[in-house]
Amino acid sequence: MKFNYALSLLGSALLLASCAQSGTSSQAQTTTEPEWEVLFDGSSFDKWQLYNGGEVSDAWKIEEGAMVFYPPEKQGGWRKSQNIVTKEFFHSFELELEWKVAEGANSGVFYGVVEDQRLGEPYLTGPEIQVLDNERHPDAKNGETHQAGALYDMVAPSSDISKPAGEWNSFSILIDHFANMGHVVLNGEKVVEFPVHGTAWDEMVAQSKFANWDAFGVYRTGKIGLQDHGDKVSFRNIRVRRIAKPELTEEPTDPEATELYEPFVEKVTPGEGHGAPSDAIVLFDGANLDQWESVDGGAAAWTLNEDGSMTVADKIGDIRTKESFGDMQLHIEWRSPAEIKGKNQSRANSGIFLQELYEIQVLDNNDNPTYVNGQVGSIYKQHVPLAMASAPTGEWNSFDAIYHAPVFNEAGEKVQSGTLTLMHNGVLIHDHIEIKGTTPYIGWPKNEAHGEAPLRLQDHRDNSGVSYRNIWVRRL
């Protein structure tokens, strides 16, 4: 077969890639051979999801160790696409898989896919390696760049060595942004080579149907996708091996040498105000106490209020989360009662115990001095807060904490202390302080080995009247 215009650019692409890396080409580089990651082992879709979110649909079946797509029937002349993509993102990698098409079937393998609700199909961002029945599907007659193994509509395979419908084919697909090189090996033979970014890539896109697609082929990090083209297709033995960024032993002179594209930073949607972000575990939203239990056994029996808060039930006892935590980001809001009762440590006293052991003091210190390592925001009997940032008595306060749990070895010895950074109403009051151990009322801190443990809220058993609301954590 003849190469199209895109392949005629390959030589210049390689030259451009070489020039782009001229600042590092003479510098010593070392790489570490990465492990293969199994993306589909024939038993589950754990590594996959629908494009733009959701579990893999029933249109995708697992049969005899392969994933098989059965296109659903159209309703009213239309149906929603069932493309699937990996849950993880990939930058530079080698992908291996096997595929088989039914007679007259069309599908594809995408890379560099970025999900966006404004974009209804993965091909709007991800270049496609064509999967096709070359004998029967009409797309094979629309040009060599549409045939099996092609970089769709851009680079044609050097020869047609695809197997007939009903037989298994193999792909080895290389996408290497560090070397600016991609290739496709079909059934053991390299049939396509192409640049993956830069001027030569842009020229290829400009000569294709994707010329005016703003999001197409611009992302160096994205997901791998399998196409629903409306035909039956099967895939199996899917695995990927990431290509590590070359490690330089001399200072680079090329700006790309110091650009990172992995690990991909997952999008988290912030909550409104102090609301929980999209990846948080909501421990209390005012609806119920289902996430909590009494430390003495049984259900949490604190008082639920109509304003979405809960109040300490005096002399009922502490409550704790049913779930255990280690390193975490914590947000919690608390309020002392508007009616002032008591003084010193007996005015609106409660506490937030990280892992049930390390107390952040809750106390109404407005016009109520006490010992400073026991005042509001202190790490009880250990660390004095940098400021007293309380809201007026009876108004809501917020604590935002970054906590890293202590580490113990197999002998039960502490080998790394816990640390805490704490904001009180947006004011920094502890800056990455060391947790010395437990926070007892009497005695020195203790350091008994432990793992993850619940978050605990204190009943000080002196009619404190403290209320809590809007409690969430993010595991770190």
Protein backbone atom coordinates (compact mmCIF):
# COMPACT_ATOMS: atom_id res chain seq x y z
CA MET A 1 0.00 0.00 0.00
CA LYS A 2 1.00 3.62 -0.47
CA PHE A 3 1.60 5.89 2.48
CA ASN A 4 -0.64 8.96 2.57
CA TYR A 5 0.54 12.51 3.16
CA ALA A 6 0.75 11.95 6.90
CA LEU A 7 3.39 9.27 6.57
CA SER A 8 5.37 11.47 4.24
CA LEU A 9 5.74 13.75 7.24
CA LEU A 10 7.24 11.01 9.37
CA GLY A 11 10.81 11.77 8.47
CA SER A 12 10.39 15.45 9.25
CA ALA A 13 8.56 14.49 12.45
CA LEU A 14 11.50 12.46 13.64
CA LEU A 15 13.84 15.29 12.74
CA LEU A 16 11.69 17.77 14.62
CA ALA A 17 11.51 15.46 17.61
CA SER A 18 15.28 15.18 17.55
CA CYS A 19 15.67 18.93 17.35
CA ALA A 20 13.14 19.44 20.13
CA GLN A 21 15.25 17.25 22.35
CA SER A 22 18.60 18.54 21.14
CA GLY A 23 19.25 19.99 24.56
CA THR A 24 19.14 16.55 26.11
CA SER A 25 20.22 14.18 23.37
CA SER A 26 23.86 14.36 24.38
CA GLN A 27 23.06 14.04 28.06
CA ALA A 28 23.19 10.69 29.80
CA GLN A 29 19.75 9.22 30.48
CA THR A 30 18.63 6.24 32.51
CA THR A 31 15.20 4.62 32.56
CA THR A 32 13.56 2.04 34.74
CA GLU A 33 11.65 -0.78 33.07
CA PRO A 34 8.05 -0.50 34.36
CA GLU A 35 5.70 -3.34 35.18
CA TRP A 36 2.79 -4.41 33.01
CA GLU A 37 -0.61 -3.40 34.37
CA VAL A 38 -3.55 -5.65 33.51
CA LEU A 39 -6.51 -3.62 32.25
CA PHE A 40 -8.74 -6.60 31.53
CA ASP A 41 -8.11 -10.13 32.78
CA GLY A 42 -11.27 -11.71 31.44
CA SER A 43 -13.19 -11.62 34.69
CA SER A 44 -14.33 -8.06 35.47
CA PHE A 45 -14.65 -4.45 34.24
CA ASP A 46 -13.04 -3.07 37.40
CA LYS A 47 -10.58 -0.93 35.41
CA TRP A 48 -13.24 0.49 33.05
CA GLN A 49 -16.21 2.83 33.03
CA LEU A 50 -18.57 4.39 30.53
CA TYR A 51 -17.24 7.46 28.77
CA ASN A 52 -18.26 10.51 30.82
CA GLY A 53 -18.95 8.36 33.87
CA GLY A 54 -21.01 5.46 35.09
CA GLU A 55 -20.61 1.72 35.37
CA VAL A 56 -19.98 -0.32 32.22
CA SER A 57 -23.41 -1.02 30.73
CA ASP A 58 -25.05 -4.39 30.07
CA ALA A 59 -24.25 -3.97 26.39
CA TRP A 60 -20.74 -5.12 27.31
CA LYS A 61 -20.62 -8.80 28.30
CA ILE A 62 -17.81 -11.05 29.53
CA GLU A 63 -17.74 -14.29 27.56
CA GLU A 64 -14.96 -16.90 27.59
CA GLY A 65 -12.41 -14.44 28.96
CA ALA A 66 -13.24 -11.66 26.50
CA MET A 67 -15.29 -8.49 26.73
CA VAL A 68 -17.89 -8.54 23.98
CA PHE A 69 -19.96 -5.56 22.88
CA TYR A 70 -23.51 -6.20 21.68
CA PRO A 71 -24.97 -2.95 20.30
CA PRO A 72 -28.38 -2.19 21.83
CA GLU A 73 -31.29 -1.57 19.54
CA LYS A 74 -32.03 2.02 18.62
CA GLN A 75 -35.20 3.57 19.95
CA GLY A 76 -36.75 6.27 17.84
CA GLY A 77 -33.77 6.11 15.49
CA TRP A 78 -31.28 7.04 18.24
CA ARG A 79 -29.48 5.49 21.21
CA LYS A 80 -26.85 6.66 23.65
CA SER A 81 -23.31 5.56 22.85
CA GLN A 82 -21.75 2.91 25.09
CA ASN A 83 -18.06 3.73 24.62
CA ILE A 84 -15.89 2.67 27.55
CA VAL A 85 -12.67 4.18 28.87
CA THR A 86 -10.12 3.29 31.51
CA LYS A 87 -10.58 4.74 34.97
CA GLU A 88 -6.92 5.74 35.00
CA PHE A 89 -5.01 8.22 32.84
CA PHE A 90 -1.93 7.43 30.78
CA HIS A 91 0.74 9.62 29.22
CA SER A 92 3.40 7.52 27.49
CA PHE A 93 2.78 3.80 27.31
CA GLU A 94 2.78 0.54 25.40
CA LEU A 95 -0.63 -1.11 25.09
CA GLU A 96 -1.22 -4.74 24.13
CA LEU A 97 -4.59 -6.31 23.38
CA GLU A 98 -6.39 -8.71 21.10
CA TRP A 99 -9.51 -7.90 19.13
CA LYS A 100 -12.05 -9.71 16.99
CA VAL A 101 -14.88 -8.26 14.92
CA ALA A 102 -18.12 -9.74 13.64
CA GLU A 103 -18.76 -9.66 9.92
CA GLY A 104 -18.94 -6.09 8.64
CA ALA A 105 -18.05 -4.63 12.04
CA ASN A 106 -16.26 -1.40 12.95
CA SER A 107 -14.68 -0.29 16.23
CA GLY A 108 -11.50 1.35 17.47
CA VAL A 109 -8.98 1.90 20.25
CA PHE A 110 -8.57 5.48 21.46
CA TYR A 111 -5.78 7.12 23.44
CA GLY A 112 -5.50 10.59 24.95
CA VAL A 113 -9.23 10.67 25.75
CA VAL A 114 -10.40 13.41 28.12
CA GLU A 115 -13.93 13.19 29.46
CA ASP A 116 -16.08 16.30 29.23
CA GLN A 117 -19.85 16.51 29.48
CA ARG A 118 -19.77 19.00 26.61
CA LEU A 119 -18.17 16.35 24.38
CA GLY A 120 -20.42 13.40 23.72
CA GLU A 121 -17.89 11.02 22.15
CA PRO A 122 -14.31 9.99 22.98
CA TYR A 123 -13.20 10.51 19.36
CA LEU A 124 -13.63 14.27 19.86
CA THR A 125 -10.40 14.26 21.90
CA GLY A 126 -8.78 10.85 21.39
CA PRO A 127 -7.00 9.71 18.22
CA GLU A 128 -8.15 6.26 17.09
CA ILE A 129 -6.38 3.11 16.01
CA GLN A 130 -8.88 1.50 13.66
CA VAL A 131 -10.50 -1.87 14.33
CA LEU A 132 -12.36 -3.08 11.23
CA ASP A 133 -13.53 -5.93 9.06
CA ASN A 134 -11.53 -4.86 6.00
CA GLU A 135 -13.33 -7.32 3.75
CA ARG A 136 -16.90 -6.21 4.38
CA HIS A 137 -17.16 -2.84 6.11
CA PRO A 138 -17.59 0.03 3.63
CA ASP A 139 -15.15 2.24 5.55
CA ALA A 140 -12.33 0.07 4.22
CA LYS A 141 -13.19 1.37 0.73
CA ASN A 142 -13.00 5.00 1.88
CA GLY A 143 -9.23 5.09 1.87
CA GLU A 144 -6.33 3.17 3.36
CA THR A 145 -6.29 5.44 6.41
CA HIS A 146 -9.64 3.92 7.41
CA GLN A 147 -8.50 0.30 7.41
CA ALA A 148 -7.63 -1.95 10.34
CA GLY A 149 -4.50 -0.79 12.16
CA ALA A 150 -4.56 2.72 10.73
CA LEU A 151 -4.18 5.86 12.79
CA TYR A 152 -7.67 6.73 11.69
CA ASP A 153 -7.88 9.23 8.80
CA MET A 154 -4.23 10.16 9.19
CA VAL A 155 -1.77 7.29 8.70
CA ALA A 156 -2.46 4.18 6.61
CA PRO A 157 -1.00 0.76 7.46
CA SER A 158 1.94 -0.29 5.31
CA SER A 159 0.20 -3.60 4.54
CA ASP A 160 -3.12 -5.30 5.16
CA ILE A 161 -2.37 -8.23 7.46
CA SER A 162 -5.57 -8.15 9.47
CA LYS A 163 -7.33 -11.47 9.92
CA PRO A 164 -10.88 -12.12 8.69
CA ALA A 165 -13.95 -11.42 10.78
CA GLY A 166 -14.37 -13.96 13.55
CA GLU A 167 -10.62 -14.44 14.07
CA TRP A 168 -8.45 -12.82 16.77
CA ASN A 169 -6.01 -10.04 15.86
CA SER A 170 -3.33 -8.59 18.11
CA PHE A 171 -2.29 -4.96 18.63
CA SER A 172 0.80 -3.54 20.24
CA ILE A 173 0.34 0.23 20.35
CA LEU A 174 3.16 2.55 21.39
CA ILE A 175 2.46 6.15 22.42
CA ASP A 176 5.70 7.76 23.61
CA HIS A 177 5.53 11.52 24.12
CA PHE A 178 9.08 11.61 25.47
CA ALA A 179 10.46 10.34 22.16
CA ASN A 180 7.60 11.89 20.11
CA MET A 181 6.88 8.55 18.51
CA GLY A 182 3.89 6.29 18.10
CA HIS A 183 3.49 3.03 16.27
CA VAL A 184 1.08 0.17 15.73
CA VAL A 185 2.14 -3.47 15.51
CA LEU A 186 -0.65 -5.56 13.97
CA ASN A 187 -0.36 -9.33 14.25
CA GLY A 188 3.37 -9.08 14.88
CA GLU A 189 4.23 -6.62 12.11
CA LYS A 190 4.80 -2.89 12.53
CA VAL A 191 2.38 -1.28 10.10
CA VAL A 192 2.11 2.35 11.23
CA GLU A 193 4.49 4.96 12.64
CA PHE A 194 3.68 8.57 13.48
CA PRO A 195 4.69 11.55 15.64
CA VAL A 196 2.41 12.14 18.63
CA HIS A 197 2.76 15.90 19.12
CA GLY A 198 4.47 18.98 17.74
CA THR A 199 4.52 20.62 14.33
CA ALA A 200 4.46 17.39 12.34
CA TRP A 201 1.45 16.14 14.33
CA ASP A 202 -0.35 19.43 13.75
CA GLU A 203 0.26 19.16 10.02
CA MET A 204 -1.15 15.63 10.00
CA VAL A 205 -4.29 16.79 11.80
CA ALA A 206 -4.64 19.73 9.39
CA GLN A 207 -4.81 17.28 6.47
CA SER A 208 -7.48 15.12 8.14
CA LYS A 209 -11.19 15.33 8.93
CA PHE A 210 -10.20 16.54 12.40
CA ALA A 211 -8.66 19.80 11.15
CA ASN A 212 -11.25 22.04 12.80
CA TRP A 213 -11.82 19.97 15.95
CA ASP A 214 -10.41 22.14 18.72
CA ALA A 215 -10.01 19.38 21.33
CA PHE A 216 -8.77 16.60 19.07
CA GLY A 217 -5.34 15.13 19.79
CA VAL A 218 -4.20 17.98 22.03
CA TYR A 219 -3.98 16.10 25.34
CA ARG A 220 -0.73 14.30 26.14
CA THR A 221 -2.33 12.62 29.14
CA GLY A 222 -5.70 10.93 28.82
CA LYS A 223 -7.64 7.73 29.03
CA ILE A 224 -7.60 4.67 26.79
CA GLY A 225 -10.96 3.95 25.19
CA LEU A 226 -12.79 1.22 23.27
CA GLN A 227 -15.36 2.28 20.73
CA ASP A 228 -19.04 1.56 20.36
CA HIS A 229 -19.50 1.97 16.61
CA GLY A 230 -22.79 0.09 16.59
CA ASP A 231 -21.29 -3.32 15.75
CA LYS A 232 -20.38 -6.46 17.66
CA VAL A 233 -16.72 -6.53 18.67
CA SER A 234 -14.62 -8.42 21.21
CA PHE A 235 -11.46 -7.56 23.16
CA ARG A 236 -9.28 -9.63 25.47
CA ASN A 237 -5.85 -9.84 27.13
CA ILE A 238 -5.57 -6.07 27.60
CA ARG A 239 -2.52 -4.80 29.41
CA VAL A 240 -0.46 -1.61 29.48
CA ARG A 241 3.08 -0.67 30.43
CA ARG A 242 3.83 2.95 31.29
CA ILE A 243 6.95 4.53 29.82
CA ALA A 244 8.91 6.34 32.50
CA LYS A 245 10.23 9.82 31.97
CA PRO A 246 13.97 9.63 31.25
CA GLU A 247 16.09 10.56 34.24
CA LEU A 248 18.71 13.12 33.33
CA THR A 249 22.15 13.19 34.90
CA GLU A 250 22.93 16.68 33.60
CA GLU A 251 20.89 19.86 33.73
CA PRO A 252 18.58 19.96 30.69
CA THR A 253 18.49 22.83 28.22
CA ASP A 254 15.15 21.81 26.69
CA PRO A 255 12.06 23.09 28.56
CA GLU A 256 10.09 19.91 27.79
CA ALA A 257 12.61 17.87 29.76
CA THR A 258 11.30 19.34 33.00
CA GLU A 259 7.57 19.13 32.19
CA LEU A 260 5.54 16.46 33.99
CA TYR A 261 2.31 14.91 32.70
CA GLU A 262 1.91 12.17 35.28
CA PRO A 263 0.53 11.44 37.76
CA PHE A 264 -2.67 12.93 36.37
CA VAL A 265 -4.40 15.26 38.82
CA GLU A 266 -7.98 14.07 39.33
CA LYS A 267 -10.69 16.71 39.24
CA VAL A 268 -12.44 17.35 42.55
CA THR A 269 -15.48 19.63 42.62
CA PRO A 270 -15.35 21.91 45.67
CA GLY A 271 -18.41 22.23 47.84
CA GLU A 272 -20.22 25.53 48.14
CA GLY A 273 -19.03 27.48 51.16
CA HIS A 274 -17.84 24.86 53.64
CA GLY A 275 -19.77 22.11 51.85
CA ALA A 276 -18.15 18.76 51.19
CA PRO A 277 -16.11 18.41 47.99
CA SER A 278 -17.05 15.70 45.52
CA ASP A 279 -14.56 13.13 46.85
CA ALA A 280 -15.28 13.64 50.56
CA ILE A 281 -16.82 11.17 52.99
CA VAL A 282 -19.75 12.97 54.60
CA LEU A 283 -19.94 11.97 58.26
CA PHE A 284 -22.78 14.27 59.27
CA ASP A 285 -25.08 16.39 57.12
CA GLY A 286 -27.88 16.91 59.58
CA ALA A 287 -30.14 14.14 58.33
CA ASN A 288 -29.28 11.37 60.79
CA LEU A 289 -26.55 9.84 62.92
CA ASP A 290 -26.16 6.70 60.82
CA GLN A 291 -22.39 7.20 60.50
CA TRP A 292 -21.96 7.31 64.28
CA GLU A 293 -22.21 5.02 67.29
CA SER A 294 -21.87 5.30 71.04
CA VAL A 295 -18.43 4.44 72.40
CA ASP A 296 -20.28 2.47 75.07
CA GLY A 297 -22.06 0.38 72.44
CA GLY A 298 -25.24 0.84 70.49
CA ALA A 299 -26.60 3.77 68.54
CA ALA A 300 -25.37 7.34 68.91
CA ALA A 301 -27.94 9.03 71.15
CA TRP A 302 -27.05 12.70 70.81
CA THR A 303 -29.80 15.19 69.96
CA LEU A 304 -30.67 15.91 66.31
CA ASN A 305 -31.79 19.50 65.75
CA GLU A 306 -34.07 20.98 63.10
CA ASP A 307 -31.29 23.30 61.87
CA GLY A 308 -29.21 20.33 60.68
CA SER A 309 -26.94 20.14 63.70
CA MET A 310 -26.54 17.69 66.58
CA THR A 311 -25.98 18.56 70.22
CA VAL A 312 -24.11 16.69 72.91
CA ALA A 313 -26.58 14.76 75.09
CA ASP A 314 -25.25 15.35 78.58
CA LYS A 315 -23.94 12.29 80.42
CA ILE A 316 -24.89 10.01 77.52
CA GLY A 317 -21.24 9.54 76.56
CA ASP A 318 -18.92 10.14 73.63
CA ILE A 319 -19.82 9.15 70.09
CA ARG A 320 -17.49 7.98 67.35
CA THR A 321 -17.63 7.23 63.64
CA LYS A 322 -18.33 3.69 62.55
CA GLU A 323 -15.61 4.09 59.92
CA SER A 324 -11.92 4.30 60.83
CA PHE A 325 -9.42 6.78 59.43
CA GLY A 326 -5.71 7.47 59.24
CA ASP A 327 -4.29 10.40 57.27
CA MET A 328 -7.09 12.81 56.47
CA GLN A 329 -8.38 16.26 55.76
CA LEU A 330 -11.14 17.08 58.26
CA HIS A 331 -13.79 19.77 58.23
CA ILE A 332 -16.06 20.17 61.24
CA GLU A 333 -18.21 23.01 62.55
CA TRP A 334 -19.18 23.56 66.17
CA ARG A 335 -21.09 26.07 68.27
CA SER A 336 -21.25 26.85 71.98
CA PRO A 337 -24.71 27.57 73.41
CA ALA A 338 -25.76 31.22 73.32
CA GLU A 339 -26.62 31.14 77.01
CA ILE A 340 -23.40 31.37 78.97
CA LYS A 341 -23.05 28.80 81.74
CA GLY A 342 -20.00 27.95 83.77
CA LYS A 343 -16.45 29.20 83.55
CA ASN A 344 -12.91 28.05 82.87
CA GLN A 345 -13.01 24.42 81.60
CA SER A 346 -16.71 24.08 82.36
CA ARG A 347 -18.03 26.44 79.69
CA ALA A 348 -19.07 24.67 76.48
CA ASN A 349 -16.33 22.05 76.80
CA SER A 350 -16.09 19.25 74.25
CA GLY A 351 -13.37 17.81 72.06
CA ILE A 352 -12.58 16.26 68.70
CA PHE A 353 -10.38 13.20 69.09
CA LEU A 354 -8.38 12.18 66.02
CA GLN A 355 -8.15 8.37 65.96
CA GLU A 356 -9.90 8.48 69.38
CA LEU A 357 -6.58 9.49 70.98
CA TYR A 358 -5.49 13.02 70.07
CA GLU A 359 -7.80 15.82 71.20
CA ILE A 360 -8.45 19.16 69.54
CA GLN A 361 -10.06 21.23 72.28
CA VAL A 362 -13.53 22.70 71.85
CA LEU A 363 -14.29 25.40 74.44
CA ASP A 364 -15.96 28.81 74.79
CA ASN A 365 -12.99 31.04 75.65
CA ASN A 366 -14.74 34.34 74.93
CA ASP A 367 -14.08 36.39 78.09
CA ASN A 368 -13.22 33.09 79.72
CA PRO A 369 -9.46 32.60 80.19
CA THR A 370 -8.07 29.19 81.08
CA TYR A 371 -4.70 27.43 80.86
CA VAL A 372 -3.49 28.08 77.33
CA ASN A 373 -2.63 24.48 76.43
CA GLY A 374 -6.24 23.65 77.25
CA GLN A 375 -7.96 26.58 75.56
CA VAL A 376 -10.03 26.39 72.38
CA GLY A 377 -8.04 24.99 69.44
CA SER A 378 -5.23 23.63 71.61
CA ILE A 379 -3.91 20.13 71.15
CA TYR A 380 -4.89 19.34 74.67
CA LYS A 381 -2.01 19.67 77.15
CA GLN A 382 0.51 19.59 74.25
CA HIS A 383 0.34 22.58 71.91
CA VAL A 384 -0.85 26.12 72.48
CA PRO A 385 -2.70 27.60 69.48
CA LEU A 386 -1.02 30.45 67.61
CA ALA A 387 -4.17 32.57 67.93
CA MET A 388 -7.60 32.60 69.55
CA ALA A 389 -9.91 32.94 66.56
CA SER A 390 -13.29 32.05 68.07
CA ALA A 391 -16.58 33.37 66.75
CA PRO A 392 -18.79 35.15 69.30
CA THR A 393 -20.48 32.91 71.86
CA GLY A 394 -23.43 31.12 70.30
CA GLU A 395 -22.19 31.47 66.70
CA TRP A 396 -20.71 28.77 64.48
CA ASN A 397 -16.99 28.01 64.35
CA SER A 398 -15.13 25.89 61.82
CA PHE A 399 -12.04 23.71 62.18
CA ASP A 400 -10.16 22.58 59.07
CA ALA A 401 -7.39 20.10 59.78
CA ILE A 402 -4.71 18.26 57.83
CA TYR A 403 -3.72 15.25 59.88
CA HIS A 404 -1.04 12.64 59.27
CA ALA A 405 -1.18 9.68 61.61
CA PRO A 406 1.84 8.37 63.53
CA VAL A 407 3.65 5.34 62.15
CA PHE A 408 4.60 2.29 64.23
CA ASN A 409 6.89 -0.59 63.29
CA GLU A 410 6.14 -4.28 63.74
CA ALA A 411 7.56 -4.15 67.26
CA GLY A 412 5.01 -1.51 68.20
CA GLU A 413 7.58 1.28 68.38
CA LYS A 414 6.71 4.70 67.02
CA VAL A 415 9.02 5.47 64.13
CA GLN A 416 7.28 8.62 62.89
CA SER A 417 5.18 11.09 64.85
CA GLY A 418 1.78 12.26 63.73
CA THR A 419 1.44 15.84 62.53
CA LEU A 420 -1.39 18.35 62.41
CA THR A 421 -2.09 21.62 60.63
CA LEU A 422 -5.24 23.36 61.87
CA MET A 423 -7.26 26.38 60.75
CA HIS A 424 -9.82 27.92 63.09
CA ASN A 425 -12.35 30.04 61.20
CA GLY A 426 -9.80 30.37 58.41
CA VAL A 427 -6.96 31.42 60.76
CA LEU A 428 -3.89 29.20 61.03
CA ILE A 429 -3.53 28.13 64.66
CA HIS A 430 -1.25 25.07 64.29
CA ASP A 431 1.40 24.84 61.57
CA HIS A 432 2.43 21.23 60.94
CA ILE A 433 2.97 20.47 64.62
CA GLU A 434 4.17 17.14 65.99
CA ILE A 435 1.65 15.02 67.88
CA LYS A 436 3.70 13.84 70.85
CA GLY A 437 1.24 11.12 71.82
CA THR A 438 -2.10 10.83 73.56
CA THR A 439 -3.65 13.89 75.20
CA PRO A 440 -4.50 12.81 78.77
CA TYR A 441 -5.88 15.10 81.46
CA ILE A 442 -3.29 13.74 83.89
CA GLY A 443 0.15 12.44 82.97
CA TRP A 444 2.50 12.34 80.01
CA PRO A 445 1.54 11.54 76.40
CA LYS A 446 1.52 7.80 75.64
CA ASN A 447 2.40 6.11 72.35
CA GLU A 448 0.80 2.71 72.09
CA ALA A 449 0.79 1.22 68.60
CA HIS A 450 -2.44 1.55 66.62
CA GLY A 451 -3.73 1.61 63.08
CA GLU A 452 -6.67 3.47 61.58
CA ALA A 453 -9.29 4.42 64.16
CA PRO A 454 -12.56 6.37 64.39
CA LEU A 455 -13.08 10.07 64.84
CA ARG A 456 -14.54 10.71 68.29
CA LEU A 457 -16.61 13.58 69.72
CA GLN A 458 -16.62 14.21 73.45
CA ASP A 459 -19.39 14.45 75.98
CA HIS A 460 -17.63 16.34 78.78
CA ARG A 461 -20.49 15.38 81.11
CA ASP A 462 -20.97 18.92 82.46
CA ASN A 463 -23.97 20.10 80.42
CA SER A 464 -21.72 21.62 77.76
CA GLY A 465 -24.49 22.14 75.21
CA VAL A 466 -21.99 22.08 72.31
CA SER A 467 -23.46 21.43 68.85
CA TYR A 468 -21.80 20.10 65.69
CA ARG A 469 -22.69 20.19 62.00
CA ASN A 470 -21.27 19.74 58.48
CA ILE A 471 -18.65 17.09 59.23
CA TRP A 472 -16.68 15.57 56.36
CA VAL A 473 -13.29 14.03 55.70
CA ARG A 474 -11.06 13.30 52.72
CA ARG A 475 -8.61 10.44 52.99
CA LEU A 476 -5.06 11.51 52.18
